[in-house]
């Protein structure tokens, strides 16, 4: 998204969401990061669901919480992602 775009969402405002807990598809998640390129929220599972994470050599050694990236916009780059609009805010810092 062009930084000069009048419809751009200021990233500093989005970063204030980091640490908030939300409900997505029936599970509790925490917003842990805001991605700048192809703007997205990074969500981490709070309900102890884990995946096995491989190390840099591809060997699995530990379990980590599931994380997902939720794009802010549809592929057209203009329309808001409907999944984003369906997040339920659970906590306010």
Protein backbone atom coordinates (compact mmCIF):
# COMPACT_ATOMS: atom_id res chain seq x y z
CA UNK A 1 0.00 0.00 0.00
CA UNK A 2 1.39 3.42 -0.96
CA UNK A 3 2.39 5.53 2.07
CA UNK A 4 0.79 8.54 0.42
CA UNK A 5 -2.57 6.77 0.15
CA UNK A 6 -5.33 8.69 1.97
CA UNK A 7 -6.94 5.37 2.99
CA UNK A 8 -3.77 4.03 4.61
CA UNK A 9 -4.11 2.87 8.21
CA UNK A 10 -1.36 4.44 10.35
CA UNK A 11 0.86 1.59 11.57
CA UNK A 12 1.60 3.38 14.85
CA UNK A 13 -2.13 3.18 15.66
CA UNK A 14 -2.26 -0.49 14.73
CA UNK A 15 0.73 -1.24 16.97
CA UNK A 16 -1.38 -0.13 19.94
CA UNK A 17 -3.37 -3.34 19.36
CA UNK A 18 -0.35 -5.48 20.29
CA UNK A 19 -1.10 -7.38 23.48
CA UNK A 20 -4.88 -7.32 23.07
CA UNK A 21 -6.75 -10.60 23.25
CA UNK A 22 -9.40 -11.40 20.65
CA UNK A 23 -11.72 -14.27 19.78
CA UNK A 24 -11.32 -15.66 16.26
CA UNK A 25 -13.20 -18.72 15.01
CA UNK A 26 -14.18 -19.66 18.56
CA UNK A 27 -10.66 -19.58 20.02
CA UNK A 28 -8.78 -16.97 22.04
CA UNK A 29 -5.79 -15.30 20.36
CA UNK A 30 -3.38 -12.50 21.29
CA UNK A 31 -2.23 -9.87 18.79
CA UNK A 32 1.57 -10.11 18.96
CA UNK A 33 2.75 -8.11 15.94
CA UNK A 34 1.74 -5.82 13.10
CA UNK A 35 3.34 -6.53 9.72
CA UNK A 36 4.06 -3.48 7.56
CA UNK A 37 4.48 -5.06 4.12
CA UNK A 38 1.11 -6.41 3.03
CA UNK A 39 -0.37 -5.08 6.30
CA UNK A 40 -1.43 -7.88 8.62
CA UNK A 41 -1.94 -8.71 12.26
CA UNK A 42 -0.01 -11.65 13.71
CA UNK A 43 -2.10 -13.64 16.18
CA UNK A 44 -0.84 -16.23 18.70
CA UNK A 45 -3.06 -18.98 20.08
CA UNK A 46 -3.77 -18.49 23.81
CA UNK A 47 -5.43 -21.85 24.38
CA UNK A 48 -2.27 -23.94 24.48
CA UNK A 49 -2.68 -25.42 21.00
CA UNK A 50 0.83 -26.02 19.74
CA UNK A 51 2.73 -27.09 16.66
CA UNK A 52 6.17 -28.62 16.40
CA UNK A 53 8.66 -25.97 15.27
CA UNK A 54 11.64 -27.06 13.21
CA UNK A 55 15.02 -25.44 13.78
CA UNK A 56 17.09 -23.84 11.01
CA UNK A 57 18.11 -27.32 9.83
CA UNK A 58 14.52 -28.54 9.58
CA UNK A 59 14.70 -30.73 12.68
CA UNK A 60 11.77 -30.55 15.08
CA UNK A 61 12.81 -29.95 18.68
CA UNK A 62 10.09 -27.99 20.47
CA UNK A 63 6.42 -27.18 20.60
CA UNK A 64 5.32 -23.57 20.18
CA UNK A 65 1.93 -21.82 20.17
CA UNK A 66 0.21 -21.64 16.81
CA UNK A 67 0.53 -18.25 15.09
CA UNK A 68 -1.42 -16.96 12.12
CA UNK A 69 -1.21 -13.86 9.97
CA UNK A 70 -4.47 -12.05 9.33
CA UNK A 71 -4.23 -9.67 6.36
CA UNK A 72 -5.93 -6.33 6.91
CA UNK A 73 -7.14 -6.10 3.32
CA UNK A 74 -8.59 -8.34 0.65
CA UNK A 75 -6.51 -9.10 -2.45
CA UNK A 76 -7.76 -5.88 -4.08
CA UNK A 77 -5.77 -3.93 -1.45
CA UNK A 78 -8.79 -1.72 -0.67
CA UNK A 79 -11.55 -3.82 0.92
CA UNK A 80 -11.08 -4.76 4.57
CA UNK A 81 -10.63 -8.46 5.28
CA UNK A 82 -14.00 -9.78 6.56
CA UNK A 83 -12.21 -12.04 9.08
CA UNK A 84 -10.69 -8.91 10.64
CA UNK A 85 -14.14 -7.41 11.05
CA UNK A 86 -15.33 -10.57 12.83
CA UNK A 87 -12.70 -10.44 15.60
CA UNK A 88 -14.24 -10.09 19.05
CA UNK A 89 -12.20 -7.93 21.43
CA UNK A 90 -11.73 -9.72 24.77
CA UNK A 91 -9.43 -7.36 26.67
CA UNK A 92 -8.28 -3.77 26.64
CA UNK A 93 -4.87 -2.81 28.03
